[in-house]
Protein backbone atom coordinates (compact mmCIF):
# COMPACT_ATOMS: atom_id res chain seq x y z
CA UNK A 1 90.98 24.77 121.83
CA UNK A 2 91.13 21.00 121.38
CA UNK A 3 94.21 19.11 122.51
CA UNK A 4 95.71 16.77 119.91
CA UNK A 5 97.95 13.89 120.91
CA UNK A 6 101.22 13.16 119.11
CA UNK A 7 99.74 10.27 117.15
CA UNK A 8 96.84 12.45 115.96
CA UNK A 9 99.21 15.15 114.72
CA UNK A 10 101.37 12.53 112.97
CA UNK A 11 98.29 11.06 111.26
CA UNK A 12 97.21 14.54 110.11
CA UNK A 13 100.70 15.18 108.69
CA UNK A 14 100.65 11.86 106.79
CA UNK A 15 97.20 12.62 105.34
CA UNK A 16 98.33 16.13 104.29
CA UNK A 17 101.45 14.64 102.71
CA UNK A 18 99.35 12.15 100.75
CA UNK A 19 96.86 14.81 99.62
CA UNK A 20 99.29 17.54 98.57
CA UNK A 21 102.53 15.69 97.89
CA UNK A 22 106.04 16.33 99.21
CA UNK A 23 106.74 19.21 96.81
CA UNK A 24 103.57 21.20 97.50
CA UNK A 25 103.51 20.86 101.32
CA UNK A 26 106.46 23.24 102.07
CA UNK A 27 104.97 25.80 99.69
CA UNK A 28 101.64 25.64 101.52
CA UNK A 29 103.43 26.06 104.85
CA UNK A 30 105.29 29.14 103.62
CA UNK A 31 102.15 30.76 102.25
CA UNK A 32 100.32 30.07 105.51
CA UNK A 33 103.20 31.64 107.45
CA UNK A 34 103.18 34.74 105.23
CA UNK A 35 99.44 35.10 105.64
CA UNK A 36 99.67 34.79 109.41
CA UNK A 37 102.52 37.33 109.57
CA UNK A 38 100.57 39.86 107.47
CA UNK A 39 97.49 39.39 109.64
CA UNK A 40 99.52 39.99 112.82
CA UNK A 41 101.17 43.12 111.42
CA UNK A 42 97.80 44.48 110.26
CA UNK A 43 96.25 43.83 113.66
CA UNK A 44 99.19 45.54 115.36
CA UNK A 45 98.89 48.58 113.07
CA UNK A 46 95.18 48.86 113.82
CA UNK A 47 95.86 48.65 117.57
CA UNK A 48 98.66 51.24 117.39
CA UNK A 49 96.59 53.84 115.56
CA UNK A 50 95.12 56.44 117.85
CA UNK A 51 91.35 56.68 117.65
CA UNK A 52 90.04 59.94 116.27
CA UNK A 53 88.85 62.43 118.84
CA UNK A 54 85.16 61.92 119.35
CA UNK A 55 82.95 64.85 120.31
CA UNK A 56 82.15 64.89 124.00
CA UNK A 57 78.50 64.20 124.79
CA UNK A 58 76.50 67.00 126.31
CA UNK A 59 75.70 66.44 129.98
CA UNK A 60 72.11 65.63 130.77
CA UNK A 61 70.06 67.99 132.94
CA UNK A 62 70.56 65.70 135.94
CA UNK A 63 74.37 65.88 135.57
CA UNK A 64 74.51 69.64 134.96
CA UNK A 65 74.94 72.04 137.89
CA UNK A 66 73.46 74.91 135.94
CA UNK A 67 70.09 74.65 134.38
CA UNK A 68 69.75 76.21 130.95
CA UNK A 69 66.69 78.36 130.54
CA UNK A 70 63.93 77.03 128.35
CA UNK A 71 61.83 79.37 126.23
CA UNK A 72 58.54 80.06 127.93
CA UNK A 73 59.78 79.08 131.34
CA UNK A 74 60.17 81.69 134.04
CA UNK A 75 58.43 83.38 136.89
CA UNK A 76 54.75 84.07 136.44
């Protein structure tokens, strides 16, 4: 993340004040804060939900101790 000096932040604030005006700037700040708060709460809800139980994968023949019989296989 880039590091801004104090003079850079002051210049950005002055430009924003000129673009949006003194009446609109607090309203924009509030709406940005509400949006950020809703995003955080939604992300927290998604993290708190337990994932659904997924079916366990069947072990491969190399992992299995017992070998399942295959049709046509057997002693000759």
